[in-house]
Amino acid sequence: MKKPLFLLLFLIVQSFAQTETEVTVSTMEPTTTNPPFIRMCNYCIGNLKSECAYYQPYQSENSTTIPCPRGTDNNDRKCYISIVAGLVRRGCTTDGFCDHHNCFECNYSECNYRSIAEQKCIMCDSRPGSSEYHPKCKDKAEELPAENCIVGDIFHYNHRGCYSMTINEVIGGENIAYVERRCINYMNNDPRCDNEKDNSCILCEEDGCN
């Protein structure tokens, strides 16, 4: 009767030894941690005619992005756009600027990319029967009021400005030449506009300059 008792004690001791080994092994396993959260925001300061006011392309060489400093939690780190006294500012809310000014805030990296620029151009043409015909469009366009260009969130800096162009078309079997004035972002590409000596297409950047 001693052998079964001895065998039972042996098995109990082995069981405790195995459990202790497993615990020891588990405590030696390396622990892993998630990499620190990084929020990147577009950063710039400039007036409404500066590149800062226009669309900021994602990871563009011409755009500056900054990491937001760590706040009390990830919700403190948002990107923003603000216009104060005609000055455009983009950055991260952890800089405290939006604590004292109205801002558009967003909650993912580089989300403050939208254009807030505005452009005004003379919009008309001298072709009779056109929906934008005006008798002063050809020779007295300076007497016409400039109108707001339709621009969206993706309004590029290199699409700013106005144009005036002489267009030749055959209408009803007759060759018609007329002047068209509009916003550059409405314009179809025309090689004449790249030639500074060609006065049949003139580009300019200021409001109402065409």
N, C-alpha and C. Protein backbone atom coordinates (compact mmCIF):
# COMPACT_ATOMS: atom_id res chain seq x y z
N MET A 1 0.83 -1.21 0.00
CA MET A 1 0.00 0.00 0.00
C MET A 1 0.85 1.25 0.00
N LYS A 2 2.15 1.13 0.27
CA LYS A 2 3.00 2.31 0.31
C LYS A 2 3.34 2.83 -1.07
N LYS A 3 3.41 1.88 -2.04
CA LYS A 3 3.81 2.32 -3.38
C LYS A 3 2.80 3.27 -4.01
N PRO A 4 1.51 2.96 -3.97
CA PRO A 4 0.54 3.91 -4.55
C PRO A 4 0.61 5.27 -3.89
N LEU A 5 0.79 5.29 -2.54
CA LEU A 5 0.88 6.58 -1.85
C LEU A 5 2.11 7.34 -2.28
N PHE A 6 3.23 6.63 -2.41
CA PHE A 6 4.47 7.27 -2.85
C PHE A 6 4.32 7.83 -4.27
N LEU A 7 3.67 7.04 -5.13
CA LEU A 7 3.46 7.46 -6.52
C LEU A 7 2.59 8.70 -6.59
N LEU A 8 1.55 8.77 -5.74
CA LEU A 8 0.67 9.93 -5.71
C LEU A 8 1.42 11.18 -5.28
N LEU A 9 2.25 11.06 -4.24
CA LEU A 9 3.05 12.21 -3.78
C LEU A 9 4.01 12.67 -4.86
N PHE A 10 4.60 11.72 -5.57
CA PHE A 10 5.56 12.06 -6.63
C PHE A 10 4.89 12.87 -7.74
N LEU A 11 3.67 12.43 -8.12
CA LEU A 11 2.94 13.14 -9.18
C LEU A 11 2.54 14.54 -8.76
N ILE A 12 2.17 14.71 -7.47
CA ILE A 12 1.81 16.06 -6.98
C ILE A 12 3.01 16.99 -7.02
N VAL A 13 4.17 16.50 -6.60
CA VAL A 13 5.40 17.31 -6.62
C VAL A 13 5.76 17.71 -8.04
N GLN A 14 5.64 16.78 -8.99
CA GLN A 14 5.94 17.07 -10.38
C GLN A 14 5.00 18.12 -10.95
N SER A 15 3.74 18.06 -10.55
CA SER A 15 2.75 19.02 -11.04
C SER A 15 3.09 20.43 -10.58
N PHE A 16 3.46 20.59 -9.29
CA PHE A 16 3.85 21.91 -8.78
C PHE A 16 5.10 22.43 -9.47
N ALA A 17 6.05 21.54 -9.73
CA ALA A 17 7.30 21.94 -10.38
C ALA A 17 7.04 22.44 -11.79
N GLN A 18 6.15 21.75 -12.51
CA GLN A 18 5.82 22.16 -13.89
C GLN A 18 5.12 23.51 -13.92
N THR A 19 4.18 23.73 -12.97
CA THR A 19 3.47 25.01 -12.90
C THR A 19 4.42 26.15 -12.61
N GLU A 20 5.36 25.95 -11.70
CA GLU A 20 6.32 26.98 -11.35
C GLU A 20 7.20 27.32 -12.54
N THR A 21 7.58 26.29 -13.32
CA THR A 21 8.40 26.52 -14.52
C THR A 21 7.65 27.35 -15.54
N GLU A 22 6.35 27.03 -15.73
CA GLU A 22 5.55 27.78 -16.71
C GLU A 22 5.41 29.23 -16.31
N VAL A 23 5.22 29.49 -15.00
CA VAL A 23 5.10 30.86 -14.53
C VAL A 23 6.39 31.60 -14.74
N THR A 24 7.51 30.93 -14.44
CA THR A 24 8.81 31.57 -14.61
C THR A 24 9.06 31.92 -16.06
N VAL A 25 8.72 31.01 -16.98
CA VAL A 25 8.93 31.26 -18.40
C VAL A 25 8.08 32.43 -18.88
N SER A 26 6.81 32.47 -18.42
CA SER A 26 5.90 33.52 -18.88
C SER A 26 6.36 34.90 -18.42
N THR A 27 6.99 34.98 -17.24
CA THR A 27 7.45 36.28 -16.76
C THR A 27 8.69 36.75 -17.50
N MET A 28 9.36 35.86 -18.19
CA MET A 28 10.56 36.22 -18.93
C MET A 28 10.27 36.67 -20.35
N GLU A 29 8.99 36.52 -20.82
CA GLU A 29 8.65 36.91 -22.19
C GLU A 29 8.72 38.43 -22.33
N PRO A 30 9.30 38.93 -23.44
CA PRO A 30 9.41 40.39 -23.63
C PRO A 30 8.03 41.01 -23.83
N THR A 31 7.85 42.20 -23.30
CA THR A 31 6.60 42.95 -23.48
C THR A 31 6.76 43.91 -24.65
N THR A 32 5.69 44.12 -25.43
CA THR A 32 5.73 45.03 -26.57
C THR A 32 4.81 46.22 -26.29
N THR A 33 5.19 47.40 -26.79
CA THR A 33 4.38 48.61 -26.63
C THR A 33 4.11 49.21 -28.00
N ASN A 34 2.96 49.84 -28.17
CA ASN A 34 2.63 50.49 -29.43
C ASN A 34 3.51 51.72 -29.64
N PRO A 35 3.88 52.01 -30.90
CA PRO A 35 4.68 53.21 -31.15
C PRO A 35 3.88 54.45 -30.77
N PRO A 36 4.54 55.54 -30.37
CA PRO A 36 3.83 56.75 -29.97
C PRO A 36 3.00 57.32 -31.12
N PHE A 37 1.81 57.80 -30.79
CA PHE A 37 0.91 58.39 -31.79
C PHE A 37 1.49 59.72 -32.27
N ILE A 38 1.55 59.92 -33.60
CA ILE A 38 2.07 61.17 -34.16
C ILE A 38 1.02 61.77 -35.08
N ARG A 39 0.63 63.01 -34.82
CA ARG A 39 -0.30 63.72 -35.69
C ARG A 39 0.50 64.80 -36.42
N MET A 40 0.45 64.77 -37.76
CA MET A 40 1.14 65.77 -38.57
C MET A 40 0.12 66.78 -39.09
N CYS A 41 0.49 68.07 -39.07
CA CYS A 41 -0.40 69.12 -39.56
C CYS A 41 0.36 70.05 -40.50
N ASN A 42 -0.36 70.58 -41.49
CA ASN A 42 0.23 71.61 -42.34
C ASN A 42 0.46 72.86 -41.50
N TYR A 43 1.60 73.50 -41.73
CA TYR A 43 1.93 74.70 -40.96
C TYR A 43 2.37 75.82 -41.90
N CYS A 44 1.74 76.98 -41.76
CA CYS A 44 2.17 78.17 -42.50
C CYS A 44 1.42 79.38 -41.97
N ILE A 45 1.94 80.57 -42.26
CA ILE A 45 1.28 81.84 -41.92
C ILE A 45 1.47 82.76 -43.12
N GLY A 46 0.39 83.39 -43.58
CA GLY A 46 0.49 84.30 -44.73
C GLY A 46 -0.83 85.00 -44.98
N ASN A 47 -0.81 86.00 -45.85
CA ASN A 47 -2.05 86.71 -46.16
C ASN A 47 -2.90 85.92 -47.16
N LEU A 48 -4.06 86.46 -47.51
CA LEU A 48 -5.01 85.74 -48.36
C LEU A 48 -4.53 85.60 -49.80
N LYS A 49 -3.45 86.27 -50.16
CA LYS A 49 -2.88 86.12 -51.50
C LYS A 49 -1.63 85.24 -51.49
N SER A 50 -1.22 84.81 -50.33
CA SER A 50 -0.02 83.99 -50.22
C SER A 50 -0.33 82.53 -50.51
N GLU A 51 0.72 81.75 -50.69
CA GLU A 51 0.55 80.32 -50.96
C GLU A 51 -0.12 79.60 -49.80
N CYS A 52 0.00 80.17 -48.60
CA CYS A 52 -0.61 79.56 -47.42
C CYS A 52 -2.13 79.50 -47.51
N ALA A 53 -2.74 80.42 -48.26
CA ALA A 53 -4.20 80.47 -48.36
C ALA A 53 -4.75 79.41 -49.31
N TYR A 54 -3.88 78.83 -50.13
CA TYR A 54 -4.33 77.89 -51.16
C TYR A 54 -4.20 76.44 -50.69
N TYR A 55 -4.70 75.55 -51.52
CA TYR A 55 -4.66 74.11 -51.26
C TYR A 55 -3.24 73.66 -50.94
N GLN A 56 -3.10 72.86 -49.89
CA GLN A 56 -1.80 72.33 -49.47
C GLN A 56 -1.73 70.85 -49.86
N PRO A 57 -1.04 70.52 -50.96
CA PRO A 57 -0.99 69.12 -51.42
C PRO A 57 -0.36 68.20 -50.37
N TYR A 58 -0.85 66.97 -50.30
CA TYR A 58 -0.38 66.00 -49.32
C TYR A 58 1.09 65.66 -49.58
N GLN A 59 1.91 65.83 -48.55
CA GLN A 59 3.34 65.51 -48.60
C GLN A 59 4.04 66.17 -49.78
N SER A 60 3.65 67.40 -50.09
CA SER A 60 4.28 68.14 -51.19
C SER A 60 5.59 68.76 -50.72
N GLU A 61 6.53 68.90 -51.65
CA GLU A 61 7.80 69.55 -51.32
C GLU A 61 7.59 71.02 -50.97
N ASN A 62 6.50 71.61 -51.49
CA ASN A 62 6.24 73.03 -51.25
C ASN A 62 5.41 73.28 -49.99
N SER A 63 4.98 72.22 -49.32
CA SER A 63 4.19 72.36 -48.10
C SER A 63 5.05 71.99 -46.89
N THR A 64 4.81 72.67 -45.78
CA THR A 64 5.52 72.38 -44.54
C THR A 64 4.58 71.68 -43.58
N THR A 65 4.98 70.53 -43.07
CA THR A 65 4.19 69.83 -42.07
C THR A 65 4.99 69.72 -40.78
N ILE A 66 4.29 69.77 -39.66
CA ILE A 66 4.94 69.68 -38.35
C ILE A 66 4.24 68.61 -37.51
N PRO A 67 4.98 67.93 -36.63
CA PRO A 67 4.33 67.00 -35.69
C PRO A 67 3.74 67.79 -34.53
N CYS A 68 2.55 67.41 -34.11
CA CYS A 68 1.94 68.08 -32.96
C CYS A 68 2.60 67.59 -31.67
N PRO A 69 2.98 68.50 -30.79
CA PRO A 69 3.52 68.07 -29.49
C PRO A 69 2.49 67.26 -28.72
N ARG A 70 2.93 66.37 -27.88
CA ARG A 70 2.02 65.52 -27.13
C ARG A 70 1.24 66.34 -26.11
N GLY A 71 -0.08 66.16 -26.10
CA GLY A 71 -0.94 66.83 -25.12
C GLY A 71 -1.36 65.85 -24.05
N THR A 72 -2.44 66.18 -23.34
CA THR A 72 -2.92 65.29 -22.29
C THR A 72 -3.53 64.02 -22.88
N ASP A 73 -4.10 64.14 -24.08
CA ASP A 73 -4.58 62.96 -24.80
C ASP A 73 -4.57 63.26 -26.29
N ASN A 74 -4.84 62.24 -27.12
CA ASN A 74 -4.76 62.41 -28.57
C ASN A 74 -5.76 63.42 -29.10
N ASN A 75 -6.89 63.62 -28.40
CA ASN A 75 -7.89 64.57 -28.86
C ASN A 75 -7.41 66.01 -28.77
N ASP A 76 -6.35 66.26 -27.99
CA ASP A 76 -5.79 67.60 -27.91
C ASP A 76 -5.02 67.96 -29.18
N ARG A 77 -4.66 66.94 -29.94
CA ARG A 77 -3.79 67.17 -31.10
C ARG A 77 -4.62 67.15 -32.38
N LYS A 78 -5.16 68.31 -32.73
CA LYS A 78 -5.93 68.47 -33.96
C LYS A 78 -5.23 69.49 -34.85
N CYS A 79 -5.55 69.44 -36.13
CA CYS A 79 -5.04 70.44 -37.07
C CYS A 79 -6.08 71.55 -37.21
N TYR A 80 -5.63 72.74 -37.61
CA TYR A 80 -6.59 73.84 -37.75
C TYR A 80 -6.21 74.78 -38.88
N ILE A 81 -7.22 75.56 -39.32
CA ILE A 81 -7.04 76.69 -40.24
C ILE A 81 -7.77 77.87 -39.61
N SER A 82 -7.16 79.04 -39.69
CA SER A 82 -7.80 80.22 -39.13
C SER A 82 -7.48 81.44 -39.99
N ILE A 83 -8.43 82.37 -40.04
CA ILE A 83 -8.19 83.67 -40.68
C ILE A 83 -8.47 84.75 -39.64
N VAL A 84 -7.47 85.51 -39.30
CA VAL A 84 -7.61 86.60 -38.34
C VAL A 84 -6.99 87.85 -38.93
N ALA A 85 -7.81 88.90 -39.10
CA ALA A 85 -7.34 90.18 -39.63
C ALA A 85 -6.63 90.00 -40.98
N GLY A 86 -7.19 89.15 -41.84
CA GLY A 86 -6.63 88.94 -43.17
C GLY A 86 -5.41 88.06 -43.22
N LEU A 87 -5.06 87.46 -42.09
CA LEU A 87 -3.88 86.59 -42.03
C LEU A 87 -4.33 85.14 -41.87
N VAL A 88 -3.84 84.29 -42.77
CA VAL A 88 -4.16 82.86 -42.73
C VAL A 88 -3.12 82.14 -41.89
N ARG A 89 -3.60 81.24 -41.08
CA ARG A 89 -2.69 80.47 -40.23
C ARG A 89 -3.13 79.01 -40.23
N ARG A 90 -2.17 78.11 -40.43
CA ARG A 90 -2.41 76.66 -40.34
C ARG A 90 -1.45 76.09 -39.31
N GLY A 91 -1.93 75.14 -38.52
CA GLY A 91 -1.05 74.55 -37.52
C GLY A 91 -1.75 73.49 -36.70
N CYS A 92 -1.22 73.25 -35.49
CA CYS A 92 -1.74 72.24 -34.58
C CYS A 92 -2.32 72.93 -33.35
N THR A 93 -3.46 72.45 -32.89
CA THR A 93 -4.16 73.12 -31.78
C THR A 93 -3.36 73.15 -30.49
N THR A 94 -2.35 72.32 -30.37
CA THR A 94 -1.54 72.34 -29.15
C THR A 94 -0.72 73.62 -29.02
N ASP A 95 -0.66 74.44 -30.09
CA ASP A 95 0.08 75.71 -29.97
C ASP A 95 -0.74 76.78 -29.22
N GLY A 96 -2.01 76.48 -28.92
CA GLY A 96 -2.82 77.39 -28.12
C GLY A 96 -3.49 78.52 -28.88
N PHE A 97 -3.23 78.64 -30.18
CA PHE A 97 -3.80 79.76 -30.96
C PHE A 97 -5.32 79.73 -30.95
N CYS A 98 -5.89 78.54 -31.09
CA CYS A 98 -7.35 78.41 -31.18
C CYS A 98 -8.04 78.58 -29.83
N ASP A 99 -7.26 78.71 -28.76
CA ASP A 99 -7.87 79.01 -27.46
C ASP A 99 -8.41 80.43 -27.43
N HIS A 100 -7.91 81.28 -28.33
CA HIS A 100 -8.29 82.70 -28.31
C HIS A 100 -8.84 83.18 -29.65
N HIS A 101 -8.91 82.31 -30.66
CA HIS A 101 -9.39 82.71 -31.98
C HIS A 101 -10.31 81.62 -32.55
N ASN A 102 -11.16 82.03 -33.48
CA ASN A 102 -12.02 81.06 -34.16
C ASN A 102 -11.19 80.26 -35.16
N CYS A 103 -11.36 78.96 -35.14
CA CYS A 103 -10.60 78.08 -36.03
C CYS A 103 -11.52 77.00 -36.60
N PHE A 104 -11.16 76.54 -37.80
CA PHE A 104 -11.72 75.29 -38.31
C PHE A 104 -10.76 74.19 -37.88
N GLU A 105 -11.27 73.22 -37.13
CA GLU A 105 -10.43 72.14 -36.61
C GLU A 105 -10.81 70.81 -37.24
N CYS A 106 -9.84 69.92 -37.39
CA CYS A 106 -10.09 68.59 -37.93
C CYS A 106 -9.17 67.59 -37.23
N ASN A 107 -9.49 66.31 -37.35
CA ASN A 107 -8.91 65.34 -36.43
C ASN A 107 -8.15 64.20 -37.10
N TYR A 108 -7.45 64.47 -38.20
CA TYR A 108 -6.55 63.46 -38.77
C TYR A 108 -5.37 64.17 -39.42
N SER A 109 -4.31 63.45 -39.67
CA SER A 109 -3.07 64.08 -40.12
C SER A 109 -3.23 64.83 -41.44
N GLU A 110 -2.69 66.05 -41.46
CA GLU A 110 -2.68 66.94 -42.63
C GLU A 110 -4.08 67.23 -43.16
N CYS A 111 -5.08 67.20 -42.27
CA CYS A 111 -6.46 67.45 -42.70
C CYS A 111 -6.73 68.93 -42.94
N ASN A 112 -5.82 69.81 -42.53
CA ASN A 112 -6.02 71.25 -42.73
C ASN A 112 -5.41 71.71 -44.06
N TYR A 113 -5.75 70.97 -45.12
CA TYR A 113 -5.19 71.21 -46.46
C TYR A 113 -6.04 72.14 -47.30
N ARG A 114 -7.29 72.38 -46.92
CA ARG A 114 -8.26 73.04 -47.80
C ARG A 114 -7.86 74.47 -48.16
N SER A 115 -8.20 74.86 -49.38
CA SER A 115 -7.98 76.24 -49.81
C SER A 115 -9.05 77.14 -49.22
N ILE A 116 -8.63 78.33 -48.78
CA ILE A 116 -9.59 79.34 -48.34
C ILE A 116 -9.36 80.64 -49.11
N ALA A 117 -8.62 80.53 -50.21
CA ALA A 117 -8.32 81.70 -51.04
C ALA A 117 -9.56 82.12 -51.83
N GLU A 118 -9.60 83.40 -52.18
CA GLU A 118 -10.67 83.94 -53.01
C GLU A 118 -10.05 84.66 -54.21
N GLN A 119 -10.80 84.71 -55.28
CA GLN A 119 -10.32 85.37 -56.50
C GLN A 119 -11.50 86.06 -57.17
N LYS A 120 -11.27 87.28 -57.67
CA LYS A 120 -12.29 88.01 -58.43
C LYS A 120 -11.73 88.38 -59.79
N CYS A 121 -12.52 88.14 -60.82
CA CYS A 121 -12.11 88.48 -62.19
C CYS A 121 -13.30 89.07 -62.94
N ILE A 122 -13.01 89.81 -63.99
CA ILE A 122 -14.06 90.26 -64.90
C ILE A 122 -14.49 89.06 -65.72
N MET A 123 -15.79 88.83 -65.82
CA MET A 123 -16.30 87.66 -66.53
C MET A 123 -17.27 88.11 -67.60
N CYS A 124 -16.81 88.02 -68.84
CA CYS A 124 -17.65 88.43 -69.96
C CYS A 124 -17.02 87.94 -71.26
N ASP A 125 -17.75 88.07 -72.34
CA ASP A 125 -17.15 87.94 -73.67
C ASP A 125 -17.89 88.88 -74.62
N SER A 126 -17.27 89.13 -75.75
CA SER A 126 -17.81 90.11 -76.71
C SER A 126 -18.53 89.46 -77.88
N ARG A 127 -18.86 88.18 -77.74
CA ARG A 127 -19.55 87.47 -78.81
C ARG A 127 -21.06 87.66 -78.67
N PRO A 128 -21.70 88.32 -79.62
CA PRO A 128 -23.16 88.53 -79.55
C PRO A 128 -23.90 87.20 -79.45
N GLY A 129 -24.88 87.16 -78.59
CA GLY A 129 -25.65 85.93 -78.40
C GLY A 129 -25.14 85.05 -77.29
N SER A 130 -23.94 85.34 -76.78
CA SER A 130 -23.38 84.55 -75.69
C SER A 130 -24.10 84.89 -74.38
N SER A 131 -24.18 83.93 -73.48
CA SER A 131 -24.82 84.17 -72.18
C SER A 131 -24.04 85.16 -71.33
N GLU A 132 -22.76 85.36 -71.64
CA GLU A 132 -21.94 86.30 -70.89
C GLU A 132 -21.53 87.50 -71.76
N TYR A 133 -22.29 87.73 -72.81
CA TYR A 133 -21.99 88.87 -73.69
C TYR A 133 -22.19 90.19 -72.95
N HIS A 134 -21.26 91.10 -73.18
CA HIS A 134 -21.40 92.48 -72.70
C HIS A 134 -20.75 93.39 -73.73
N PRO A 135 -21.43 94.47 -74.12
CA PRO A 135 -20.88 95.35 -75.16
C PRO A 135 -19.56 96.01 -74.77
N LYS A 136 -19.28 96.11 -73.48
CA LYS A 136 -18.02 96.74 -73.03
C LYS A 136 -16.88 95.73 -72.87
N CYS A 137 -17.17 94.47 -73.11
CA CYS A 137 -16.16 93.44 -72.82
C CYS A 137 -14.91 93.58 -73.68
N LYS A 138 -15.07 94.01 -74.92
CA LYS A 138 -13.92 94.07 -75.82
C LYS A 138 -12.99 95.23 -75.52
N ASP A 139 -13.55 96.44 -75.38
CA ASP A 139 -12.70 97.64 -75.29
C ASP A 139 -12.82 98.41 -73.99
N LYS A 140 -13.83 98.15 -73.18
CA LYS A 140 -14.02 98.93 -71.95
C LYS A 140 -14.25 98.01 -70.74
N ALA A 141 -13.51 96.95 -70.70
CA ALA A 141 -13.69 95.96 -69.63
C ALA A 141 -13.38 96.54 -68.25
N GLU A 142 -12.54 97.58 -68.20
CA GLU A 142 -12.20 98.19 -66.91
C GLU A 142 -13.42 98.83 -66.24
N GLU A 143 -14.47 99.06 -67.01
CA GLU A 143 -15.69 99.64 -66.45
C GLU A 143 -16.64 98.58 -65.88
N LEU A 144 -16.30 97.32 -66.05
CA LEU A 144 -17.15 96.24 -65.56
C LEU A 144 -16.70 95.78 -64.16
N PRO A 145 -17.63 95.36 -63.32
CA PRO A 145 -17.26 94.89 -61.98
C PRO A 145 -16.65 93.49 -62.03
N ALA A 146 -15.70 93.26 -61.17
CA ALA A 146 -15.12 91.92 -61.04
C ALA A 146 -16.07 91.03 -60.24
N GLU A 147 -16.13 89.76 -60.60
CA GLU A 147 -17.02 88.81 -59.93
C GLU A 147 -16.20 87.71 -59.26
N ASN A 148 -16.79 87.09 -58.27
CA ASN A 148 -16.11 86.00 -57.56
C ASN A 148 -15.94 84.79 -58.46
N CYS A 149 -14.74 84.26 -58.50
CA CYS A 149 -14.51 83.00 -59.20
C CYS A 149 -15.06 81.86 -58.34
N ILE A 150 -15.55 80.83 -58.99
CA ILE A 150 -16.01 79.65 -58.27
C ILE A 150 -14.80 78.77 -57.99
N VAL A 151 -14.41 78.70 -56.73
CA VAL A 151 -13.25 77.89 -56.34
C VAL A 151 -13.68 76.94 -55.23
N GLY A 152 -13.02 75.81 -55.16
CA GLY A 152 -13.36 74.81 -54.15
C GLY A 152 -12.22 74.60 -53.17
N ASP A 153 -12.29 73.51 -52.43
CA ASP A 153 -11.25 73.18 -51.46
C ASP A 153 -9.91 72.92 -52.13
N ILE A 154 -9.95 72.38 -53.36
CA ILE A 154 -8.71 72.03 -54.08
C ILE A 154 -8.40 73.14 -55.09
N PHE A 155 -8.12 74.32 -54.59
CA PHE A 155 -7.79 75.47 -55.45
C PHE A 155 -6.29 75.70 -55.34
N HIS A 156 -5.56 75.34 -56.39
CA HIS A 156 -4.10 75.39 -56.37
C HIS A 156 -3.58 76.82 -56.53
N TYR A 157 -2.44 77.06 -55.92
CA TYR A 157 -1.79 78.37 -56.01
C TYR A 157 -1.46 78.73 -57.45
N ASN A 158 -1.06 77.75 -58.25
CA ASN A 158 -0.69 78.04 -59.64
C ASN A 158 -1.90 78.17 -60.56
N HIS A 159 -3.11 78.07 -60.01
CA HIS A 159 -4.33 78.30 -60.79
C HIS A 159 -4.96 79.65 -60.46
N ARG A 160 -4.25 80.47 -59.71
CA ARG A 160 -4.78 81.78 -59.33
C ARG A 160 -4.72 82.74 -60.51
N GLY A 161 -5.51 83.81 -60.44
CA GLY A 161 -5.41 84.87 -61.44
C GLY A 161 -6.55 84.88 -62.45
N CYS A 162 -6.43 85.83 -63.39
CA CYS A 162 -7.45 86.06 -64.41
C CYS A 162 -6.79 86.05 -65.80
N TYR A 163 -7.62 85.99 -66.82
CA TYR A 163 -7.09 86.04 -68.18
C TYR A 163 -8.03 86.81 -69.10
N SER A 164 -7.46 87.30 -70.17
CA SER A 164 -8.24 87.84 -71.30
C SER A 164 -7.64 87.23 -72.56
N MET A 165 -8.51 86.75 -73.45
CA MET A 165 -8.04 86.01 -74.62
C MET A 165 -8.89 86.35 -75.84
N THR A 166 -8.21 86.52 -76.96
CA THR A 166 -8.91 86.69 -78.23
C THR A 166 -9.11 85.31 -78.86
N ILE A 167 -10.36 85.01 -79.20
CA ILE A 167 -10.71 83.69 -79.73
C ILE A 167 -11.28 83.85 -81.13
N ASN A 168 -10.81 83.02 -82.04
CA ASN A 168 -11.32 83.01 -83.41
C ASN A 168 -12.14 81.75 -83.63
N GLU A 169 -13.38 81.94 -84.07
CA GLU A 169 -14.26 80.80 -84.34
C GLU A 169 -15.02 81.03 -85.64
N VAL A 170 -15.36 79.93 -86.28
CA VAL A 170 -16.21 80.01 -87.46
C VAL A 170 -17.64 79.74 -87.01
N ILE A 171 -18.48 80.75 -87.12
CA ILE A 171 -19.87 80.64 -86.68
C ILE A 171 -20.78 80.97 -87.86
N GLY A 172 -21.61 80.00 -88.25
CA GLY A 172 -22.51 80.22 -89.39
C GLY A 172 -21.76 80.51 -90.68
N GLY A 173 -20.60 79.86 -90.84
CA GLY A 173 -19.80 80.05 -92.05
C GLY A 173 -18.99 81.33 -92.05
N GLU A 174 -19.04 82.07 -90.96
CA GLU A 174 -18.31 83.35 -90.89
C GLU A 174 -17.25 83.27 -89.79
N ASN A 175 -16.06 83.78 -90.09
CA ASN A 175 -14.98 83.81 -89.11
C ASN A 175 -15.22 84.95 -88.12
N ILE A 176 -15.40 84.60 -86.85
CA ILE A 176 -15.70 85.58 -85.82
C ILE A 176 -14.56 85.63 -84.81
N ALA A 177 -14.08 86.84 -84.51
CA ALA A 177 -13.08 87.04 -83.47
C ALA A 177 -13.74 87.78 -82.30
N TYR A 178 -13.58 87.25 -81.12
CA TYR A 178 -14.16 87.92 -79.95
C TYR A 178 -13.22 87.76 -78.75
N VAL A 179 -13.47 88.57 -77.74
CA VAL A 179 -12.64 88.58 -76.53
C VAL A 179 -13.37 87.85 -75.41
N GLU A 180 -12.63 87.03 -74.70
CA GLU A 180 -13.18 86.31 -73.54
C GLU A 180 -12.35 86.67 -72.31
N ARG A 181 -13.03 86.99 -71.20
CA ARG A 181 -12.36 87.34 -69.94
C ARG A 181 -12.96 86.49 -68.82
N ARG A 182 -12.08 85.79 -68.10
CA ARG A 182 -12.57 84.93 -67.03
C ARG A 182 -11.45 84.63 -66.02
N CYS A 183 -11.74 83.68 -65.11
CA CYS A 183 -10.77 83.21 -64.12
C CYS A 183 -9.86 82.16 -64.75
N ILE A 184 -8.60 82.15 -64.36
CA ILE A 184 -7.65 81.20 -64.94
C ILE A 184 -8.07 79.76 -64.69
N ASN A 185 -8.68 79.48 -63.54
CA ASN A 185 -9.04 78.08 -63.28
C ASN A 185 -10.20 77.61 -64.15
N TYR A 186 -10.81 78.52 -64.94
CA TYR A 186 -11.83 78.12 -65.92
C TYR A 186 -11.22 77.86 -67.30
N MET A 187 -9.99 78.29 -67.50
CA MET A 187 -9.41 78.37 -68.83
C MET A 187 -8.90 77.02 -69.33
N ASN A 188 -9.14 76.75 -70.62
CA ASN A 188 -8.51 75.61 -71.27
C ASN A 188 -7.07 75.97 -71.62
N ASN A 189 -6.18 75.01 -71.54
CA ASN A 189 -4.78 75.28 -71.85
C ASN A 189 -4.63 75.80 -73.27
N ASP A 190 -3.86 76.87 -73.41
CA ASP A 190 -3.60 77.47 -74.72
C ASP A 190 -2.15 77.91 -74.75
N PRO A 191 -1.34 77.42 -75.70
CA PRO A 191 0.09 77.76 -75.73
C PRO A 191 0.36 79.25 -75.88
N ARG A 192 -0.60 80.00 -76.41
CA ARG A 192 -0.40 81.44 -76.55
C ARG A 192 -0.21 82.12 -75.19
N CYS A 193 -0.83 81.54 -74.18
CA CYS A 193 -0.79 82.16 -72.85
C CYS A 193 0.58 82.02 -72.19
N ASP A 194 1.42 81.12 -72.69
CA ASP A 194 2.77 80.94 -72.15
C ASP A 194 3.78 81.84 -72.84
N ASN A 195 3.34 82.54 -73.88
CA ASN A 195 4.22 83.43 -74.64
C ASN A 195 3.94 84.87 -74.23
N GLU A 196 4.87 85.47 -73.50
CA GLU A 196 4.68 86.83 -72.99
C GLU A 196 4.57 87.86 -74.10
N LYS A 197 5.07 87.53 -75.30
CA LYS A 197 5.02 88.48 -76.42
C LYS A 197 3.72 88.38 -77.21
N ASP A 198 2.90 87.39 -76.89
CA ASP A 198 1.64 87.20 -77.61
C ASP A 198 0.52 87.88 -76.84
N ASN A 199 0.05 89.01 -77.35
CA ASN A 199 -0.98 89.78 -76.66
C ASN A 199 -2.39 89.24 -76.86
N SER A 200 -2.52 88.16 -77.62
CA SER A 200 -3.85 87.59 -77.81
C SER A 200 -4.32 86.79 -76.59
N CYS A 201 -3.39 86.55 -75.65
CA CYS A 201 -3.74 85.91 -74.38
C CYS A 201 -2.89 86.54 -73.28
N ILE A 202 -3.54 87.16 -72.32
CA ILE A 202 -2.83 87.85 -71.24
C ILE A 202 -3.29 87.28 -69.90
N LEU A 203 -2.32 86.91 -69.07
CA LEU A 203 -2.60 86.40 -67.73
C LEU A 203 -2.19 87.44 -66.69
N CYS A 204 -2.92 87.50 -65.60
CA CYS A 204 -2.58 88.42 -64.51
C CYS A 204 -3.08 87.83 -63.19
N GLU A 205 -2.61 88.35 -62.08
CA GLU A 205 -2.88 87.70 -60.79
C GLU A 205 -3.80 88.47 -59.86
N GLU A 206 -3.89 89.79 -60.00
CA GLU A 206 -4.67 90.58 -59.05
C GLU A 206 -6.17 90.49 -59.35
N ASP A 207 -6.98 90.78 -58.36
CA ASP A 207 -8.43 90.79 -58.55
C ASP A 207 -8.83 91.81 -59.61
N GLY A 208 -9.66 91.38 -60.56
CA GLY A 208 -10.17 92.28 -61.60
C GLY A 208 -9.13 92.80 -62.56
N CYS A 209 -7.98 92.12 -62.65
CA CYS A 209 -6.88 92.64 -63.46
C CYS A 209 -7.06 92.43 -64.96
N ASN A 210 -8.06 91.64 -65.35
CA ASN A 210 -8.23 91.33 -66.77
C ASN A 210 -9.23 92.23 -67.46
